[in-house]
Protein backbone atom coordinates (compact mmCIF):
# COMPACT_ATOMS: atom_id res chain seq x y z
CA UNK A 1 0.00 0.00 0.00
CA UNK A 2 1.22 3.51 -0.80
CA UNK A 3 3.13 5.22 1.99
CA UNK A 4 4.00 2.11 4.06
CA UNK A 5 7.10 0.60 2.41
CA UNK A 6 10.37 2.29 1.45
CA UNK A 7 13.99 1.52 0.67
CA UNK A 8 16.74 4.12 0.92
CA UNK A 9 20.04 5.18 2.48
CA UNK A 10 20.16 6.41 6.06
CA UNK A 11 20.89 10.06 6.80
CA UNK A 12 21.50 10.74 10.49
CA UNK A 13 20.23 14.04 11.90
CA UNK A 14 22.80 15.74 14.14
CA UNK A 15 21.50 18.73 16.05
CA UNK A 16 23.41 21.62 17.52
CA UNK A 17 25.91 21.98 14.67
CA UNK A 18 24.70 25.32 13.39
CA UNK A 19 26.55 28.56 12.84
CA UNK A 20 26.27 30.74 15.94
CA UNK A 21 25.99 34.50 16.09
CA UNK A 22 26.02 37.01 18.94
CA UNK A 23 23.09 39.06 17.70
CA UNK A 24 21.69 40.58 20.87
CA UNK A 25 18.20 39.44 19.97
CA UNK A 26 15.48 39.95 22.55
CA UNK A 27 12.86 37.58 23.91
CA UNK A 28 10.10 39.69 22.38
CA UNK A 29 11.79 39.53 18.96
CA UNK A 30 12.05 35.75 19.31
CA UNK A 31 8.28 35.45 19.86
CA UNK A 32 7.52 37.70 16.88
CA UNK A 33 9.93 35.71 14.68
CA UNK A 34 8.49 32.36 15.77
CA UNK A 35 4.93 33.56 15.13
CA UNK A 36 5.88 34.67 11.62
CA UNK A 37 7.61 31.35 10.94
CA UNK A 38 4.56 29.37 12.09
CA UNK A 39 2.20 31.45 9.95
CA UNK A 40 4.36 30.73 6.92
CA UNK A 41 4.26 27.01 7.73
CA UNK A 42 0.46 27.16 8.11
CA UNK A 43 0.17 28.65 4.64
CA UNK A 44 2.46 26.14 2.92
CA UNK A 45 2.04 22.91 4.92
CA UNK A 46 -0.05 19.95 3.71
CA UNK A 47 -1.37 19.77 7.29
CA UNK A 48 -1.88 23.44 8.35
CA UNK A 49 -3.75 22.43 11.52
CA UNK A 50 -0.47 21.10 12.95
CA UNK A 51 1.20 24.50 12.95
CA UNK A 52 -2.00 26.26 13.95
CA UNK A 53 -1.86 24.21 17.16
CA UNK A 54 1.75 25.36 17.59
CA UNK A 55 0.75 28.99 17.18
CA UNK A 56 -1.98 28.61 19.79
CA UNK A 57 0.61 27.33 22.29
CA UNK A 58 3.00 30.17 21.42
CA UNK A 59 0.28 32.76 22.03
CA UNK A 60 -0.88 31.21 25.31
CA UNK A 61 0.16 33.68 28.07
CA UNK A 62 1.29 30.73 30.22
CA UNK A 63 4.42 30.23 28.12
CA UNK A 64 5.61 33.83 28.03
CA UNK A 65 4.71 34.45 31.69
CA UNK A 66 6.67 31.36 32.78
CA UNK A 67 9.71 32.41 30.74
CA UNK A 68 9.59 35.97 32.13
CA UNK A 69 9.35 34.61 35.68
CA UNK A 70 12.48 32.56 35.08
CA UNK A 71 14.31 35.59 33.67
CA UNK A 72 13.34 37.66 36.71
CA UNK A 73 14.82 34.92 38.88
CA UNK A 74 18.19 35.41 37.17
CA UNK A 75 18.18 32.96 34.25
CA UNK A 76 19.48 33.93 30.81
CA UNK A 77 16.63 34.06 28.23
CA UNK A 78 17.66 30.82 26.50
CA UNK A 79 17.90 28.96 29.79
CA UNK A 80 14.60 30.51 30.90
CA UNK A 81 12.90 29.12 27.78
CA UNK A 82 14.30 25.63 28.32
CA UNK A 83 13.26 25.68 31.97
CA UNK A 84 9.76 26.88 31.05
CA UNK A 85 9.42 24.02 28.57
CA UNK A 86 10.38 21.52 31.29
CA UNK A 87 8.10 23.13 33.85
CA UNK A 88 5.01 23.20 31.63
CA UNK A 89 5.72 19.74 30.23
CA UNK A 90 5.92 18.45 33.78
CA UNK A 91 2.24 19.29 34.25
CA UNK A 92 1.39 16.56 31.72
CA UNK A 93 4.31 14.18 32.21
CA UNK A 94 2.24 11.47 33.92
CA UNK A 95 -0.56 11.39 31.37
CA UNK A 96 -1.19 8.45 29.07
CA UNK A 97 -3.32 10.58 26.78
CA UNK A 98 -1.82 10.67 23.27
CA UNK A 99 -3.24 14.17 22.67
CA UNK A 100 -1.41 15.71 25.62
CA UNK A 101 1.78 13.78 24.81
CA UNK A 102 1.69 15.36 21.35
CA UNK A 103 1.18 18.82 22.91
CA UNK A 104 4.35 18.31 24.99
CA UNK A 105 6.26 17.66 21.76
CA UNK A 106 4.67 20.76 20.21
CA UNK A 107 5.72 22.88 23.20
CA UNK A 108 9.32 21.62 23.03
CA UNK A 109 9.44 22.27 19.28
CA UNK A 110 8.28 25.86 19.79
CA UNK A 111 10.78 26.47 22.60
CA UNK A 112 13.57 24.99 20.50
CA UNK A 113 12.71 27.49 17.76
CA UNK A 114 12.77 30.38 20.24
CA UNK A 115 16.17 29.32 21.57
CA UNK A 116 17.63 28.86 18.09
CA UNK A 117 16.54 32.37 17.14
CA UNK A 118 17.91 33.91 20.34
CA UNK A 119 21.24 32.11 19.98
CA UNK A 120 21.52 32.77 16.27
CA UNK A 121 21.53 29.30 14.75
CA UNK A 122 21.57 30.17 11.08
CA UNK A 123 21.73 26.95 9.10
CA UNK A 124 19.18 24.34 8.05
CA UNK A 125 20.48 20.83 8.86
CA UNK A 126 18.26 19.42 6.09
CA UNK A 127 19.50 21.79 3.41
CA UNK A 128 21.58 19.24 1.49
CA UNK A 129 19.52 16.07 1.83
CA UNK A 130 20.44 13.54 -0.86
CA UNK A 131 17.77 11.97 -3.06
CA UNK A 132 16.28 8.73 -1.72
CA UNK A 133 17.01 9.54 1.90
CA UNK A 134 15.69 7.78 4.99
CA UNK A 135 15.94 10.44 7.71
CA UNK A 136 17.02 8.87 11.02
CA UNK A 137 16.83 10.83 14.28
CA UNK A 138 16.19 10.35 18.00
CA UNK A 139 13.13 12.54 17.53
CA UNK A 140 11.59 14.70 14.82
CA UNK A 141 9.41 17.78 15.18
CA UNK A 142 6.88 19.38 12.81
CA UNK A 143 9.30 22.27 12.20
CA UNK A 144 11.83 19.71 10.94
CA UNK A 145 9.27 18.52 8.40
CA UNK A 146 8.76 22.09 7.20
CA UNK A 147 12.51 22.46 6.61
CA UNK A 148 12.95 19.23 4.63
CA UNK A 149 12.59 18.80 0.90
CA UNK A 150 10.07 15.98 1.34
CA UNK A 151 10.43 15.03 -2.31
CA UNK A 152 13.86 13.63 -1.44
CA UNK A 153 12.67 11.72 1.63
CA UNK A 154 11.80 8.04 1.28
CA UNK A 155 10.97 7.41 4.95
CA UNK A 156 11.38 8.67 8.51
CA UNK A 157 12.79 6.58 11.37
CA UNK A 158 12.96 7.75 15.01
CA UNK A 159 13.67 6.20 18.39
CA UNK A 160 11.15 8.44 20.18
CA UNK A 161 7.75 9.71 19.19
CA UNK A 162 4.29 8.48 18.28
CA UNK A 163 2.78 7.31 15.02
CA UNK A 164 -0.20 9.56 15.81
CA UNK A 165 1.98 12.64 16.41
CA UNK A 166 1.94 15.72 14.24
CA UNK A 167 5.03 14.44 12.45
CA UNK A 168 3.04 11.29 11.65
CA UNK A 169 0.14 13.37 10.31
CA UNK A 170 2.40 15.32 7.96
CA UNK A 171 4.22 12.16 6.85
CA UNK A 172 0.94 10.39 6.01
CA UNK A 173 -0.33 13.43 4.10
CA UNK A 174 2.75 13.16 1.85
CA UNK A 175 2.71 9.36 1.59
CA UNK A 176 5.98 8.96 3.51
CA UNK A 177 6.44 5.86 5.71
CA UNK A 178 7.12 6.77 9.35
CA UNK A 179 8.45 4.26 11.90
CA UNK A 180 9.12 5.19 15.54
CA UNK A 181 10.28 3.33 18.64
CA UNK A 182 13.35 1.95 16.81
CA UNK A 183 16.83 1.46 18.30
CA UNK A 184 18.88 3.69 16.00
CA UNK A 185 22.17 3.50 17.91
CA UNK A 186 23.82 1.16 15.40
CA UNK A 187 22.71 2.99 12.24
CA UNK A 188 25.23 5.08 10.34
CA UNK A 189 24.77 7.57 7.52
CA UNK A 190 24.84 5.68 4.21
CA UNK A 191 23.48 2.40 5.58
CA UNK A 192 20.83 0.82 3.37
CA UNK A 193 17.48 0.59 5.16
CA UNK A 194 14.33 -1.36 4.40
CA UNK A 195 11.38 0.37 6.09
CA UNK A 196 7.97 -1.20 6.71
CA UNK A 197 5.59 1.06 8.64
CA UNK A 198 2.87 -1.60 8.48
CA UNK A 199 4.68 -3.59 11.18
CA UNK A 200 6.94 -0.77 12.48
CA UNK A 201 10.15 -2.54 11.51
CA UNK A 202 13.35 -1.73 9.61
CA UNK A 203 16.20 -3.87 8.29
CA UNK A 204 19.69 -2.34 8.36
CA UNK A 205 22.11 -3.30 5.56
CA UNK A 206 20.02 -6.23 4.32
CA UNK A 207 21.38 -9.18 2.34
CA UNK A 208 20.91 -9.23 -1.43
CA UNK A 209 18.08 -11.75 -1.12
CA UNK A 210 16.32 -9.63 1.53
CA UNK A 211 16.65 -6.58 -0.69
CA UNK A 212 15.24 -8.33 -3.77
CA UNK A 213 12.32 -9.76 -1.79
CA UNK A 214 11.58 -6.32 -0.35
CA UNK A 215 11.72 -4.69 -3.78
CA UNK A 216 9.13 -7.20 -4.98
CA UNK A 217 6.92 -6.29 -2.02
CA UNK A 218 7.49 -2.61 -2.70
CA UNK A 219 6.49 -2.97 -6.35
CA UNK A 220 3.39 -4.96 -5.41
CA UNK A 221 2.51 -2.69 -2.51
CA UNK A 222 2.69 0.50 -4.56
CA UNK A 223 0.79 -0.97 -7.49
CA UNK A 224 -2.94 -0.41 -7.58
CA UNK A 225 -4.68 -3.80 -7.71
CA UNK A 226 -6.14 -4.55 -11.13
CA UNK A 227 -9.51 -5.36 -9.54
CA UNK A 228 -9.70 -1.83 -8.16
CA UNK A 229 -8.89 -0.33 -11.56
CA UNK A 230 -11.53 -2.47 -13.22
CA UNK A 231 -14.10 -1.51 -10.59
CA UNK A 232 -13.40 2.17 -11.19
CA UNK A 233 -13.61 1.70 -14.94
CA UNK A 234 -16.76 -0.41 -14.79
CA UNK A 235 -18.59 2.07 -12.56
CA UNK A 236 -17.38 5.19 -14.35
CA UNK A 237 -15.93 6.65 -11.16
CA UNK A 238 -14.18 9.99 -11.61
CA UNK A 239 -10.82 10.77 -10.01
CA UNK A 240 -10.52 14.19 -8.36
CA UNK A 241 -7.85 15.72 -6.13
CA UNK A 242 -7.74 17.13 -2.61
CA UNK A 243 -5.85 20.39 -2.17
CA UNK A 244 -4.81 22.94 0.44
CA UNK A 245 -3.10 25.39 -1.92
CA UNK A 246 -2.91 26.49 -5.54
CA UNK A 247 0.31 24.47 -5.85
CA UNK A 248 -1.58 21.33 -4.74
CA UNK A 249 -4.23 22.01 -7.38
CA UNK A 250 -1.64 22.40 -10.12
CA UNK A 251 0.01 19.09 -9.14
CA UNK A 252 -3.33 17.27 -9.08
CA UNK A 253 -4.45 18.59 -12.47
CA UNK A 254 -1.02 17.87 -13.96
CA UNK A 255 -1.37 14.29 -12.69
CA UNK A 256 -4.68 13.88 -14.47
CA UNK A 257 -7.33 14.81 -11.91
CA UNK A 258 -10.72 15.63 -13.43
CA UNK A 259 -11.27 18.37 -10.89
CA UNK A 260 -10.75 19.22 -7.22
CA UNK A 261 -13.17 17.49 -4.88
CA UNK A 262 -11.91 19.28 -1.77
CA UNK A 263 -10.19 22.66 -1.58
CA UNK A 264 -9.54 23.46 2.06
CA UNK A 265 -9.89 27.10 3.11
CA UNK A 266 -8.80 26.79 6.75
CA UNK A 267 -5.27 28.01 5.95
CA UNK A 268 -6.72 31.50 5.47
CA UNK A 269 -7.89 31.54 9.09
CA UNK A 270 -5.49 29.24 10.96
CA UNK A 271 -2.60 31.06 12.55
CA UNK A 272 -3.98 34.45 11.59
CA UNK A 273 -4.46 37.13 14.24
CA UNK A 274 -6.84 38.96 11.92
CA UNK A 275 -9.65 37.75 9.72
CA UNK A 276 -8.95 37.49 5.98
CA UNK A 277 -10.96 40.06 4.06
CA UNK A 278 -13.45 39.21 1.33
CA UNK A 279 -11.00 40.57 -1.24
CA UNK A 280 -8.10 38.46 0.05
CA UNK A 281 -10.26 35.35 -0.08
CA UNK A 282 -11.58 36.18 -3.53
CA UNK A 283 -8.09 36.54 -5.00
CA UNK A 284 -6.99 33.15 -3.63
CA UNK A 285 -10.19 31.40 -4.76
CA UNK A 286 -9.86 33.02 -8.20
CA UNK A 287 -6.30 31.73 -8.54
CA UNK A 288 -7.50 28.29 -7.45
CA UNK A 289 -10.28 28.28 -10.07
CA UNK A 290 -7.88 29.29 -12.81
CA UNK A 291 -5.41 26.59 -11.72
CA UNK A 292 -8.15 24.01 -12.38
CA UNK A 293 -7.96 24.83 -16.11
CA UNK A 294 -11.68 24.43 -16.69
CA UNK A 295 -12.20 21.48 -14.34
CA UNK A 296 -14.55 21.96 -11.36
CA UNK A 297 -13.27 23.31 -8.05
CA UNK A 298 -15.08 22.30 -4.86
CA UNK A 299 -14.42 24.89 -2.14
CA UNK A 300 -15.12 23.74 1.40
CA UNK A 301 -16.23 26.57 3.64
CA UNK A 302 -14.11 27.17 6.73
CA UNK A 303 -13.80 23.96 8.70
CA UNK A 304 -12.55 25.54 11.91
CA UNK A 305 -12.77 23.91 15.33
CA UNK A 306 -11.90 20.45 16.64
CA UNK A 307 -8.13 20.14 16.14
CA UNK A 308 -8.01 23.31 14.03
CA UNK A 309 -8.23 26.39 16.30
CA UNK A 310 -8.12 29.88 14.76
CA UNK A 311 -6.70 32.76 16.86
CA UNK A 312 -8.44 35.36 14.71
CA UNK A 313 -11.86 34.07 15.80
CA UNK A 314 -11.07 34.26 19.54
CA UNK A 315 -12.93 31.04 20.26
CA UNK A 316 -13.45 29.91 23.87
CA UNK A 317 -11.74 26.77 25.10
CA UNK A 318 -13.93 23.66 24.89
CA UNK A 319 -13.66 20.46 26.91
CA UNK A 320 -14.44 18.40 23.81
CA UNK A 321 -13.84 20.52 20.70
CA UNK A 322 -14.63 17.65 18.30
CA UNK A 323 -18.21 17.76 19.62
CA UNK A 324 -18.32 21.53 19.92
CA UNK A 325 -18.41 24.61 17.70
CA UNK A 326 -16.82 23.51 14.46
CA UNK A 327 -17.57 23.53 10.74
CA UNK A 328 -20.95 24.88 9.69
CA UNK A 329 -22.03 25.36 13.32
CA UNK A 330 -19.30 27.94 13.78
CA UNK A 331 -19.90 29.59 10.40
CA UNK A 332 -23.62 30.09 11.07
CA UNK A 333 -22.86 31.50 14.52
CA UNK A 334 -20.75 34.22 12.85
CA UNK A 335 -22.85 35.21 9.81
CA UNK A 336 -20.87 38.34 8.93
CA UNK A 337 -17.63 36.36 8.67
CA UNK A 338 -19.44 33.58 6.81
CA UNK A 339 -20.96 36.02 4.31
CA UNK A 340 -17.51 37.41 3.49
CA UNK A 341 -16.44 33.90 2.53
CA UNK A 342 -19.63 33.20 0.57
CA UNK A 343 -19.29 36.45 -1.39
CA UNK A 344 -15.65 35.64 -2.18
CA UNK A 345 -16.62 32.17 -3.41
CA UNK A 346 -19.44 33.58 -5.53
CA UNK A 347 -17.13 36.17 -7.11
CA UNK A 348 -14.58 33.46 -7.90
CA UNK A 349 -17.30 31.42 -9.61
CA UNK A 350 -17.29 33.98 -12.44
CA UNK A 351 -13.88 32.60 -13.47
CA UNK A 352 -14.76 28.91 -13.82
CA UNK A 353 -16.75 26.01 -12.47
CA UNK A 354 -17.05 26.35 -8.68
CA UNK A 355 -18.98 24.28 -6.15
CA UNK A 356 -19.41 25.19 -2.48
CA UNK A 357 -19.28 22.44 0.14
CA UNK A 358 -20.48 22.66 3.75
CA UNK A 359 -18.63 20.72 6.49
CA UNK A 360 -19.89 19.09 9.69
CA UNK A 361 -23.59 19.13 8.82
CA UNK A 362 -25.92 17.42 11.30
CA UNK A 363 -29.28 19.10 10.62
CA UNK A 364 -31.31 19.96 7.51
CA UNK A 365 -31.82 23.45 8.91
CA UNK A 366 -28.06 24.12 8.65
CA UNK A 367 -28.19 23.56 4.90
CA UNK A 368 -31.31 25.71 4.52
CA UNK A 369 -29.77 28.55 6.54
CA UNK A 370 -26.63 28.40 4.40
CA UNK A 371 -28.65 28.54 1.19
CA UNK A 372 -30.53 31.55 2.55
CA UNK A 373 -27.25 33.34 3.23
CA UNK A 374 -26.05 32.49 -0.27
CA UNK A 375 -29.21 34.01 -1.76
CA UNK A 376 -28.66 37.12 0.36
CA UNK A 377 -25.08 37.43 -0.87
CA UNK A 378 -26.16 36.86 -4.48
CA UNK A 379 -28.67 39.69 -4.20
CA UNK A 380 -25.99 41.98 -2.78
CA UNK A 381 -23.54 41.18 -5.57
CA UNK A 382 -26.22 41.52 -8.21
CA UNK A 383 -27.14 44.96 -6.89
CA UNK A 384 -23.48 45.98 -7.13
CA UNK A 385 -23.18 44.70 -10.69
CA UNK A 386 -20.65 42.01 -9.74
CA UNK A 387 -20.65 38.84 -11.83
CA UNK A 388 -21.02 35.34 -10.40
CA UNK A 389 -22.40 31.93 -11.35
CA UNK A 390 -26.17 32.13 -10.88
CA UNK A 391 -26.31 28.34 -10.62
CA UNK A 392 -23.59 27.77 -8.01
CA UNK A 393 -23.94 24.23 -6.67
CA UNK A 394 -24.08 23.81 -2.89
CA UNK A 395 -23.20 20.42 -1.45
CA UNK A 396 -22.86 18.75 1.91
CA UNK A 397 -20.02 16.84 3.53
CA UNK A 398 -21.29 13.65 5.10
CA UNK A 399 -19.05 13.11 8.11
CA UNK A 400 -21.44 12.59 11.02
CA UNK A 401 -23.87 9.77 11.85
CA UNK A 402 -26.63 12.40 11.94
CA UNK A 403 -25.94 13.43 8.35
CA UNK A 404 -26.03 9.83 7.15
CA UNK A 405 -29.31 9.17 9.00
CA UNK A 406 -31.02 12.18 7.40
CA UNK A 407 -29.21 11.87 4.06
CA UNK A 408 -32.57 11.46 2.29
CA UNK A 409 -33.68 14.86 3.63
CA UNK A 410 -30.36 16.51 2.86
CA UNK A 411 -30.44 15.09 -0.67
CA UNK A 412 -33.66 16.99 -1.32
CA UNK A 413 -31.83 20.30 -0.75
CA UNK A 414 -28.20 19.57 -1.71
CA UNK A 415 -26.67 19.48 -5.19
CA UNK A 416 -24.08 16.84 -4.22
CA UNK A 417 -22.68 14.81 -1.33
CA UNK A 418 -19.04 14.26 -0.37
CA UNK A 419 -18.25 11.67 2.29
CA UNK A 420 -15.49 12.69 4.71
CA UNK A 421 -14.33 9.27 5.87
CA UNK A 422 -11.84 10.54 8.48
CA UNK A 423 -14.50 12.04 10.72
CA UNK A 424 -17.31 9.69 9.70
CA UNK A 425 -15.34 6.66 10.89
CA UNK A 426 -14.41 8.16 14.24
CA UNK A 427 -17.92 9.48 14.92
CA UNK A 428 -19.68 6.28 13.86
CA UNK A 429 -17.28 4.16 15.94
CA UNK A 430 -17.12 6.68 18.83
CA UNK A 431 -13.32 6.31 18.78
CA UNK A 432 -10.71 9.08 18.59
CA UNK A 433 -8.56 8.27 15.55
CA UNK A 434 -5.59 9.95 17.26
CA UNK A 435 -5.79 7.75 20.35
CA UNK A 436 -3.62 4.67 19.88
CA UNK A 437 -5.58 2.77 22.56
CA UNK A 438 -8.74 2.74 20.41
CA UNK A 439 -7.25 3.16 16.94
CA UNK A 440 -8.14 -0.47 16.19
CA UNK A 441 -11.77 0.65 16.06
CA UNK A 442 -11.16 3.27 13.35
CA UNK A 443 -11.64 0.86 10.45
CA UNK A 444 -13.27 2.29 7.30
CA UNK A 445 -14.60 -1.14 6.31
CA UNK A 446 -16.26 -1.84 9.64
CA UNK A 447 -19.83 -2.96 8.96
CA UNK A 448 -21.28 0.04 10.82
CA UNK A 449 -19.34 2.47 8.60
CA UNK A 450 -20.19 0.54 5.43
CA UNK A 451 -23.89 0.65 6.32
CA UNK A 452 -23.69 4.41 6.88
CA UNK A 453 -22.02 4.91 3.50
CA UNK A 454 -24.54 2.64 1.76
CA UNK A 455 -27.39 4.68 3.24
CA UNK A 456 -25.85 7.91 1.95
CA UNK A 457 -25.25 6.53 -1.55
CA UNK A 458 -28.81 5.20 -1.79
CA UNK A 459 -30.23 8.58 -0.74
CA UNK A 460 -28.09 10.36 -3.32
CA UNK A 461 -29.10 7.96 -6.10
CA UNK A 462 -32.80 8.36 -5.33
CA UNK A 463 -32.45 12.14 -5.44
CA UNK A 464 -30.34 12.05 -8.60
CA UNK A 465 -27.35 13.86 -7.12
CA UNK A 466 -23.67 12.74 -7.29
CA UNK A 467 -21.86 11.41 -4.24
CA UNK A 468 -18.09 11.38 -3.81
CA UNK A 469 -15.51 10.54 -1.17
CA UNK A 470 -12.83 13.02 -0.09
CA UNK A 471 -11.45 11.30 3.01
CA UNK A 472 -8.13 9.45 3.35
CA UNK A 473 -9.85 6.05 3.14
CA UNK A 474 -10.41 6.59 -0.57
CA UNK A 475 -6.66 6.17 -1.11
CA UNK A 476 -6.70 2.64 0.29
CA UNK A 477 -7.15 0.23 -2.64
CA UNK A 478 -9.35 -2.21 -0.72
CA UNK A 479 -11.54 0.52 0.75
CA UNK A 480 -11.77 2.34 -2.59
CA UNK A 481 -12.90 -0.85 -4.31
CA UNK A 482 -15.74 -1.29 -1.79
CA UNK A 483 -16.73 2.38 -2.10
CA UNK A 484 -16.91 2.08 -5.89
CA UNK A 485 -18.99 -1.08 -5.62
CA UNK A 486 -21.36 0.73 -3.25
CA UNK A 487 -21.93 3.29 -6.00
CA UNK A 488 -19.90 6.43 -5.27
CA UNK A 489 -19.39 8.61 -8.34
CA UNK A 490 -16.03 10.15 -7.46
CA UNK A 491 -12.89 9.51 -5.41
CA UNK A 492 -11.06 12.67 -4.38
CA UNK A 493 -7.46 11.80 -3.52
CA UNK A 494 -4.58 13.66 -1.88
CA UNK A 495 -1.75 11.87 -3.69
CA UNK A 496 -0.80 13.11 -7.19
CA UNK A 497 1.06 9.81 -7.76
CA UNK A 498 -2.09 7.81 -7.03
CA UNK A 499 -4.18 10.10 -9.23
CA UNK A 500 -1.70 9.59 -12.05
CA UNK A 501 -1.83 5.83 -11.71
CA UNK A 502 -5.63 5.67 -11.73
CA UNK A 503 -6.47 8.45 -14.18
CA UNK A 504 -5.09 6.91 -17.44
CA UNK A 505 -8.00 4.48 -17.39
């Protein structure tokens, strides 16, 4: 399967070998620099929510107040930062919760960035990565991922960390195998490594027979089963792409995608201390439409909340954000902000085929309220003489049990469905996909999930509207085959390589 097997030469990460400067930088300058760096990562990363979480930690007064307290007690700023990281981490050191363990790593990554800026480390240790590299390190941080040329990276191997960490999220989004919990003490730069993230194992300097056998597995594992290809062909399933940037769109279209089934807009809000204006949004959506070269672009309205906080919205802390104000719930609670986005989407629709998709729907009324706001925005634009597509299609993401149960009602008002398997699986199974203790429950082909998908497809067919899949499960050959057999009309995939392999059909 794509993203689980790799063969390459080890490259050992050595920290602390940068060029040092005596720059006289201040603590305040370090915070401003780190915030700017994180905002740039949010804009360019395939997983912007990772760095949005970092920015939220950076802007939490607890961090700066703890550092200042340490400085007042006589510590140098760099030492004060390190001590603050240890002190705050100690509050969660005894927890078994994977979420809080990941936040400790995030905190340490942020503090490392602050210290590096203060002490003037000026080089990028990943600057000269060779092609075909397996990066080996005691631990990796999200900021490391942002510095790497991931096109040169075959796999990641660490002795510490978690497969559900933010590094794991970014690695999966790029189809890079990630294995952690490995004894790396005997590995040297240049060693040949066989990496299998399915079973969390590596082989160092394998024999010729081991290498040949692994290459056979690699070829078979990265090849789309013929049965899946035939199922797609037989059912006339279209292949679309998922994208978080204009660059992603260009790669997907170049690989043969017939459109974009999911264009995420969260990056405009995540890590931003101010709201993006209607004009700023319009210009980005326009560029995205034009990058589609005539193919349809499906713009998902802001899917904020859950694991994607947005500082510019000043949202209150929630005990369980995945069941709180997120997606369309949040948008409808802030109609002025939502209307800015709707107007920007409508204006962009004058430049090509655009569809608008609503996330986290649980009630029919949410769709009706959204359509009413769209009509209001259309009237406003029309009165101002601004062009837009008068027949803009509005669709619904099916990612909650509630949406699947009322899919027949939603189908009467929606122009299309798109199944978000990531959230649908975890909500149907009542299991946090980021919690390793219950991850065994997050199975896309569990009978409960399959029944929910079948219900949605049947409702869509009866109403005569198309239904697609934009979640990660669509990239799994076995899952995709079942989805196609159930009757989905489109698979929207995040991997250009996978799109290229399926599209020539």
